[in-house]
Amino acid sequence: MTTPPVSELSFEAAMAELEQVVSRLEQGDVALEDSIKLYERGAELKAHCEEKLKEAEEKVSQITLSADGAPTGTKPFADQ
């Protein structure tokens, strides 16, 4: 089974796969060449998750609130 490109994974799927990668590396019973491939995949997954979190934080920061605290809409990120 081939693994999908990291860029196509949702945050949740990337995190789940990253946890599997870390678990396999921690077990220490993976051949050196496979460990290197796992580490590389893990690094890609980590970067992808960080980017997804950054995007989510930016979206949340764009939500504007009214005086009573209710969401009123969004504003462009560049306005901050």
Protein backbone atom coordinates (compact mmCIF):
# COMPACT_ATOMS: atom_id res chain seq x y z
CA MET A 1 0.00 0.00 0.00
CA THR A 2 1.38 3.40 -0.94
CA THR A 3 1.11 6.29 1.43
CA PRO A 4 -0.68 9.40 0.23
CA PRO A 5 1.30 12.60 -0.23
CA VAL A 6 1.53 14.52 3.03
CA SER A 7 -0.01 17.59 1.39
CA GLU A 8 -3.25 15.66 0.82
CA LEU A 9 -3.68 14.64 4.46
CA SER A 10 -5.99 16.34 6.91
CA PHE A 11 -4.49 17.54 10.17
CA GLU A 12 -6.02 14.60 12.01
CA ALA A 13 -4.74 12.02 9.52
CA ALA A 14 -1.25 13.55 9.54
CA MET A 15 -1.15 13.54 13.34
CA ALA A 16 -2.27 9.92 13.49
CA GLU A 17 0.40 8.88 11.02
CA LEU A 18 3.02 10.94 12.83
CA GLU A 19 2.16 9.15 16.07
CA GLN A 20 2.61 5.80 14.29
CA VAL A 21 5.98 6.91 12.91
CA VAL A 22 7.20 8.00 16.33
CA SER A 23 6.00 4.75 17.88
CA ARG A 24 7.84 2.64 15.30
CA LEU A 25 11.03 4.66 15.71
CA GLU A 26 10.84 4.40 19.50
CA GLN A 27 10.54 0.61 19.30
CA GLY A 28 14.01 0.53 17.81
CA ASP A 29 13.46 -2.61 15.76
CA VAL A 30 13.41 -0.90 12.36
CA ALA A 31 16.31 -1.33 9.93
CA LEU A 32 18.53 1.71 9.51
CA GLU A 33 17.39 2.50 5.96
CA ASP A 34 13.73 2.19 6.98
CA SER A 35 14.40 4.36 10.04
CA ILE A 36 15.77 7.09 7.80
CA LYS A 37 12.69 6.91 5.56
CA LEU A 38 10.40 6.98 8.59
CA TYR A 39 12.25 9.96 10.03
CA GLU A 40 11.96 11.84 6.73
CA ARG A 41 8.23 11.08 6.53
CA GLY A 42 7.84 12.14 10.15
CA ALA A 43 9.58 15.44 9.46
CA GLU A 44 7.20 16.09 6.54
CA LEU A 45 4.19 15.20 8.66
CA LYS A 46 5.35 17.48 11.49
CA ALA A 47 5.81 20.43 9.11
CA HIS A 48 2.38 19.77 7.57
CA CYS A 49 0.70 19.68 10.99
CA GLU A 50 2.44 22.89 12.04
CA GLU A 51 1.24 24.62 8.85
CA LYS A 52 -2.34 23.40 9.37
CA LEU A 53 -2.28 24.69 12.96
CA LYS A 54 -0.90 28.04 11.81
CA GLU A 55 -3.70 28.35 9.23
CA ALA A 56 -6.31 27.53 11.86
CA GLU A 57 -4.85 30.06 14.31
CA GLU A 58 -4.94 32.75 11.62
CA LYS A 59 -8.58 31.96 10.83
CA VAL A 60 -9.53 32.09 14.50
CA SER A 61 -7.67 35.36 14.97
CA GLN A 62 -9.74 36.88 12.16
CA ILE A 63 -13.06 36.37 13.90
CA THR A 64 -14.31 39.69 15.14
CA LEU A 65 -16.50 39.98 18.21
CA SER A 66 -19.24 42.46 19.03
CA ALA A 67 -19.33 44.36 22.32
CA ASP A 68 -21.32 41.53 23.91
CA GLY A 69 -18.78 38.93 22.74
CA ALA A 70 -20.81 37.45 19.90
CA PRO A 71 -19.00 36.74 16.62
CA THR A 72 -19.85 39.37 14.01
CA GLY A 73 -17.76 38.22 11.09
CA THR A 74 -14.17 38.14 9.98
CA LYS A 75 -11.59 40.66 8.94
CA PRO A 76 -8.63 40.26 6.60
CA PHE A 77 -5.50 38.95 8.31
CA ALA A 78 -3.43 41.85 6.90
CA ASP A 79 -5.47 44.32 9.00
CA GLN A 80 -3.82 43.18 12.21
